[in-house]
Amino acid sequence: MAYQTTLAAAVSYAGNGLHSGREVHMTLQPAAVNTGIVFVRTDLAGAPEIHAIASNVTSTIRATTLAENGIKVFTIEHLMSALHAQRVDNCRIEMDAEEPPVGDGSAQVFFELLVQAGCAVQDAVRREIVIDRVYRVDDKERFVMVVPYDGFRVSFTSLNPHRLIGVQYEDFEIDPETYAREIGPARTIAYEAEIDALRSMGLGLGGTMENVIVYNDDGWLNPLRYEDELVRHKMLDVIGDLRLTGMIRGHVIAVKSAHELNTRLAKQISTAFSPGT
């Protein structure tokens, strides 16, 4: 039997948002049992809350966006991924803007903040999402599914026609040590020819060579941390998106999946495990 956890102390971090480019100050706070993960917009009157649950997903264009009562936060997947890997049940995330800081484009800074804060075990039993059958979402050649498994495991296949990337595959049992070594440091990746179009859409305004890996038809413009960093970042994202269902016990298997499919699967699982179903 596992008990719920929260942070042992508050920790803060500041930086710019990946897509908005806006400066943001963020504090991760301990939270009471059964709080879940809650974003708090301290820049708005009354400090409205947005609960990090699958039913609050409103957009998945290049990032996962949550909204509640007309208030939104976006690009939450890297922070949610670190919280999932560290098995944090309850946390209040105070931000004075609508997007968390990008850090170096990975989940590493968030994971390190959680390590710095420490873990406090609480006096309530964790409601783990124990996968009991196959849950799957398909879109032509892409899919993401989760099957029963005694643990938390992710297998991901990335298929990209670019000669630098091609087929990438990784398979990891997710525990804090493995995540910190193999997944958390993997950064966001962008194709140079797409950057101007993204910025014209109001996306990637905070992207720099320090927080995004960029490639073009000639090669990589900055050094990689892993030869297959793209698929590892895809794993990071699916771990974060699926945290919107709760704490999962199961084996996630994905091919070419991204935020739209990930969050559709999260909604499917959440519906199946909601009280009364």
Protein backbone atom coordinates (compact mmCIF):
# COMPACT_ATOMS: atom_id res chain seq x y z
CA MET A 1 0.00 0.00 0.00
CA ALA A 2 1.42 3.36 -1.08
CA TYR A 3 0.68 6.65 0.65
CA GLN A 4 0.26 10.06 -0.95
CA THR A 5 3.20 12.43 -1.07
CA THR A 6 3.77 16.15 -1.32
CA LEU A 7 6.82 18.42 -1.13
CA ALA A 8 8.65 18.76 2.15
CA ALA A 9 9.34 22.45 1.43
CA ALA A 10 8.49 25.14 -1.09
CA VAL A 11 10.91 25.79 -3.97
CA SER A 12 10.98 28.62 -6.53
CA TYR A 13 12.32 29.18 -10.02
CA ALA A 14 12.08 32.00 -12.56
CA GLY A 15 12.63 32.29 -16.30
CA ASN A 16 10.82 32.85 -19.58
CA GLY A 17 8.05 30.77 -21.12
CA LEU A 18 8.95 28.70 -24.21
CA HIS A 19 6.02 29.88 -26.33
CA SER A 20 4.96 33.17 -24.74
CA GLY A 21 8.50 34.42 -24.12
CA ARG A 22 7.12 36.13 -21.00
CA GLU A 23 9.03 36.25 -17.72
CA VAL A 24 7.44 34.08 -15.03
CA HIS A 25 8.14 33.42 -11.36
CA MET A 26 7.04 29.99 -10.18
CA THR A 27 6.84 28.47 -6.69
CA LEU A 28 6.06 24.82 -6.05
CA GLN A 29 4.24 24.53 -2.73
CA PRO A 30 3.35 21.55 -0.49
CA ALA A 31 -0.35 20.69 -0.62
CA ALA A 32 -2.84 18.80 1.53
CA VAL A 33 -3.92 15.22 0.83
CA ASN A 34 -6.25 14.72 -2.15
CA THR A 35 -5.35 18.14 -3.58
CA GLY A 36 -3.74 16.70 -6.70
CA ILE A 37 -1.67 18.98 -8.92
CA VAL A 38 -3.11 22.50 -9.04
CA PHE A 39 -1.82 25.55 -10.93
CA VAL A 40 -2.48 28.89 -9.23
CA ARG A 41 -2.40 32.11 -11.30
CA THR A 42 -1.08 34.59 -8.73
CA ASP A 43 -1.03 37.36 -11.36
CA LEU A 44 -4.83 37.40 -11.53
CA ALA A 45 -7.39 38.69 -9.05
CA GLY A 46 -8.38 36.05 -6.54
CA ALA A 47 -5.49 33.76 -7.59
CA PRO A 48 -7.70 31.37 -9.61
CA GLU A 49 -6.86 27.68 -9.69
CA ILE A 50 -6.57 25.34 -12.67
CA HIS A 51 -6.59 21.66 -11.75
CA ALA A 52 -4.21 19.48 -13.74
CA ILE A 53 -6.76 16.92 -14.86
CA ALA A 54 -7.46 15.49 -18.30
CA SER A 55 -10.93 17.04 -18.60
CA ASN A 56 -9.35 20.52 -18.41
CA VAL A 57 -7.26 20.03 -21.59
CA THR A 58 -8.39 22.58 -24.18
CA SER A 59 -5.54 22.67 -26.73
CA THR A 60 -2.60 20.53 -27.80
CA ILE A 61 -0.98 22.71 -30.48
CA ARG A 62 2.78 22.29 -29.81
CA ALA A 63 2.05 22.07 -26.07
CA THR A 64 -0.61 20.95 -23.63
CA THR A 65 -3.00 23.69 -22.47
CA LEU A 66 -5.32 23.49 -19.46
CA ALA A 67 -8.23 25.84 -18.75
CA GLU A 68 -10.73 26.13 -15.92
CA ASN A 69 -13.39 28.82 -15.57
CA GLY A 70 -11.86 30.67 -18.50
CA ILE A 71 -8.35 30.81 -17.00
CA LYS A 72 -5.56 28.90 -18.71
CA VAL A 73 -2.02 27.63 -18.31
CA PHE A 74 0.00 26.02 -21.08
CA THR A 75 3.21 24.09 -21.81
CA ILE A 76 2.68 22.25 -18.53
CA GLU A 77 3.87 18.85 -19.79
CA HIS A 78 7.56 19.09 -18.76
CA LEU A 79 6.72 20.01 -15.17
CA MET A 80 3.96 17.37 -15.05
CA SER A 81 6.45 14.80 -16.34
CA ALA A 82 8.88 15.50 -13.50
CA LEU A 83 6.05 15.33 -10.96
CA HIS A 84 4.96 11.97 -12.39
CA ALA A 85 8.49 10.54 -12.34
CA GLN A 86 9.01 11.70 -8.74
CA ARG A 87 5.59 10.27 -7.75
CA VAL A 88 4.33 13.55 -6.28
CA ASP A 89 0.60 13.33 -5.59
CA ASN A 90 -0.16 16.78 -4.22
CA CYS A 91 1.38 20.12 -5.20
CA ARG A 92 0.29 23.73 -5.69
CA ILE A 93 2.13 25.49 -8.50
CA GLU A 94 1.98 29.27 -8.11
CA MET A 95 2.81 31.27 -11.25
CA ASP A 96 2.56 34.97 -12.12
CA ALA A 97 2.03 34.22 -15.82
CA GLU A 98 0.23 31.61 -17.88
CA GLU A 99 3.23 29.45 -18.82
CA PRO A 100 5.92 27.83 -16.64
CA PRO A 101 9.55 28.78 -17.28
CA VAL A 102 11.17 26.72 -20.03
CA GLY A 103 14.48 26.12 -18.25
CA ASP A 104 16.78 24.40 -20.73
CA GLY A 105 13.88 22.90 -22.72
CA SER A 106 13.82 19.65 -20.77
CA ALA A 107 12.33 18.53 -17.45
CA GLN A 108 15.70 18.51 -15.71
CA VAL A 109 15.32 21.78 -13.80
CA PHE A 110 11.89 20.72 -12.51
CA PHE A 111 13.18 17.32 -11.43
CA GLU A 112 16.06 18.98 -9.58
CA LEU A 113 13.66 21.41 -7.88
CA LEU A 114 11.62 18.46 -6.61
CA VAL A 115 14.76 16.78 -5.30
CA GLN A 116 15.70 20.04 -3.58
CA ALA A 117 12.23 20.34 -2.00
CA GLY A 118 12.28 16.79 -0.70
CA CYS A 119 9.38 14.38 -0.27
CA ALA A 120 6.84 14.34 2.57
CA VAL A 121 4.74 11.18 2.99
CA GLN A 122 1.13 11.96 3.93
CA ASP A 123 -1.47 10.09 5.96
CA ALA A 124 -3.76 9.10 3.10
CA VAL A 125 -3.56 6.14 0.72
CA ARG A 126 -2.62 6.93 -2.88
CA ARG A 127 -5.36 6.28 -5.45
CA GLU A 128 -3.20 4.67 -8.11
CA ILE A 129 -4.54 4.19 -11.63
CA VAL A 130 -3.93 0.46 -12.04
CA ILE A 131 -4.45 -0.31 -15.72
CA ASP A 132 -6.74 -3.36 -15.98
CA ARG A 133 -7.16 -3.69 -19.76
CA VAL A 134 -5.94 -2.15 -23.01
CA TYR A 135 -6.68 1.55 -23.52
CA ARG A 136 -5.72 2.81 -26.96
CA VAL A 137 -6.07 5.85 -29.24
CA ASP A 138 -5.26 5.64 -32.97
CA ASP A 139 -4.85 8.20 -35.73
CA LYS A 140 -3.85 6.48 -38.96
CA GLU A 141 -0.18 5.48 -38.55
CA ARG A 142 0.08 6.99 -35.05
CA PHE A 143 -1.11 5.46 -31.81
CA VAL A 144 -0.64 5.44 -28.07
CA MET A 145 -1.86 2.74 -25.71
CA VAL A 146 -1.43 1.51 -22.18
CA VAL A 147 -1.67 -2.12 -21.11
CA PRO A 148 -1.58 -3.86 -17.72
CA TYR A 149 1.88 -4.01 -16.16
CA ASP A 150 3.22 -4.31 -12.64
CA GLY A 151 5.12 -1.02 -12.61
CA PHE A 152 5.37 2.05 -14.83
CA ARG A 153 7.05 1.51 -18.19
CA VAL A 154 7.18 3.48 -21.44
CA SER A 155 8.10 2.18 -24.91
CA PHE A 156 8.16 4.78 -27.69
CA THR A 157 8.90 4.62 -31.42
CA SER A 158 9.55 7.86 -33.29
CA LEU A 159 9.42 7.83 -37.11
CA ASN A 160 10.83 10.89 -38.86
CA PRO A 161 11.74 11.08 -42.57
CA HIS A 162 14.66 13.44 -41.97
CA ARG A 163 18.01 11.70 -42.50
CA LEU A 164 19.35 12.94 -39.15
CA ILE A 165 16.54 11.32 -37.18
CA GLY A 166 14.88 8.40 -38.94
CA VAL A 167 13.53 5.65 -36.66
CA GLN A 168 14.26 6.03 -32.95
CA TYR A 169 13.10 3.64 -30.23
CA GLU A 170 13.54 3.52 -26.48
CA ASP A 171 12.02 1.45 -23.68
CA PHE A 172 12.43 2.33 -20.00
CA GLU A 173 11.04 1.26 -16.68
CA ILE A 174 10.24 4.63 -15.12
CA ASP A 175 11.67 5.24 -11.68
CA PRO A 176 13.26 8.46 -10.41
CA GLU A 177 16.84 7.31 -11.02
CA THR A 178 16.21 6.11 -14.59
CA TYR A 179 14.17 9.21 -15.41
CA ALA A 180 16.90 11.55 -14.14
CA ARG A 181 19.56 9.72 -16.16
CA GLU A 182 17.76 8.79 -19.39
CA ILE A 183 14.69 10.99 -19.96
CA GLY A 184 14.51 14.16 -17.86
CA PRO A 185 17.46 15.93 -19.59
CA ALA A 186 16.06 15.39 -23.12
CA ARG A 187 15.18 18.75 -24.69
CA THR A 188 12.60 20.15 -27.07
CA ILE A 189 13.58 19.84 -30.74
CA ALA A 190 12.72 22.13 -33.67
CA TYR A 191 13.29 22.07 -37.43
CA GLU A 192 14.89 25.37 -38.46
CA ALA A 193 12.64 25.84 -41.50
CA GLU A 194 9.53 25.78 -39.27
CA ILE A 195 10.65 28.38 -36.72
CA ASP A 196 9.43 31.51 -38.53
CA ALA A 197 6.02 29.94 -39.15
CA LEU A 198 5.73 28.97 -35.47
CA ARG A 199 6.61 32.48 -34.34
CA SER A 200 4.06 33.98 -36.71
CA MET A 201 1.48 31.84 -34.84
CA GLY A 202 2.68 33.25 -31.51
CA LEU A 203 4.58 30.06 -30.65
CA GLY A 204 8.21 29.54 -29.69
CA LEU A 205 8.73 33.22 -28.80
CA GLY A 206 10.92 32.22 -25.86
CA GLY A 207 12.89 29.62 -27.78
CA THR A 208 16.67 30.04 -27.97
CA MET A 209 19.66 27.87 -28.77
CA GLU A 210 19.99 27.35 -25.01
CA ASN A 211 16.55 25.73 -24.61
CA VAL A 212 15.74 24.17 -28.00
CA ILE A 213 17.73 21.71 -30.11
CA VAL A 214 17.59 22.94 -33.71
CA TYR A 215 18.35 21.00 -36.89
CA ASN A 216 18.26 21.80 -40.59
CA ASP A 217 18.99 19.85 -43.76
CA ASP A 218 22.73 20.03 -43.14
CA GLY A 219 22.87 18.92 -39.52
CA TRP A 220 22.36 19.81 -35.87
CA LEU A 221 22.98 23.45 -34.93
CA ASN A 222 23.75 22.64 -31.30
CA PRO A 223 25.13 19.52 -29.60
CA LEU A 224 22.91 16.64 -28.53
CA ARG A 225 22.82 15.14 -25.05
CA TYR A 226 21.72 11.78 -26.49
CA GLU A 227 22.03 10.41 -30.00
CA ASP A 228 18.27 9.73 -29.87
CA GLU A 229 17.25 12.80 -27.87
CA LEU A 230 14.06 13.31 -29.89
CA VAL A 231 12.42 10.03 -28.85
CA ARG A 232 13.50 10.54 -25.25
CA HIS A 233 11.81 13.94 -25.23
CA LYS A 234 8.70 12.34 -26.72
CA MET A 235 8.75 9.91 -23.78
CA LEU A 236 9.12 12.85 -21.40
CA ASP A 237 6.01 14.44 -22.95
CA VAL A 238 3.80 11.34 -22.77
CA ILE A 239 4.76 10.81 -19.13
CA GLY A 240 3.70 14.40 -18.42
CA ASP A 241 0.47 14.26 -20.41
CA LEU A 242 -0.63 10.99 -18.82
CA ARG A 243 -0.05 12.43 -15.33
CA LEU A 244 -3.32 14.27 -16.01
CA THR A 245 -5.07 10.98 -15.23
CA GLY A 246 -3.29 10.46 -11.91
CA MET A 247 -0.48 8.12 -10.94
CA ILE A 248 -0.41 5.28 -13.50
CA ARG A 249 0.59 1.66 -13.04
CA GLY A 250 0.87 0.23 -16.55
CA HIS A 251 2.95 -0.05 -19.73
CA VAL A 252 2.63 2.84 -22.17
CA ILE A 253 3.37 1.92 -25.80
CA ALA A 254 3.44 4.69 -28.42
CA VAL A 255 4.28 5.19 -32.09
CA LYS A 256 4.60 8.79 -33.37
CA SER A 257 2.31 10.03 -30.62
CA ALA A 258 2.23 13.65 -29.48
CA HIS A 259 0.15 15.84 -27.17
CA GLU A 260 -3.16 15.42 -29.01
CA LEU A 261 -3.16 11.62 -28.85
CA ASN A 262 -1.55 11.56 -25.40
CA THR A 263 -4.27 13.71 -23.88
CA ARG A 264 -7.04 11.83 -25.68
CA LEU A 265 -5.73 8.68 -24.03
CA ALA A 266 -5.56 10.51 -20.69
CA LYS A 267 -9.22 11.48 -21.05
CA GLN A 268 -10.17 7.91 -21.98
CA ILE A 269 -8.44 6.49 -18.91
CA SER A 270 -9.82 9.22 -16.62
CA THR A 271 -13.35 8.50 -17.77
CA ALA A 272 -12.91 4.76 -17.15
CA PHE A 273 -11.55 5.33 -13.64
CA SER A 274 -13.87 8.14 -12.57
CA PRO A 275 -15.99 7.41 -9.48
CA GLY A 276 -19.20 5.58 -10.32
CA THR A 277 -17.99 4.08 -13.61
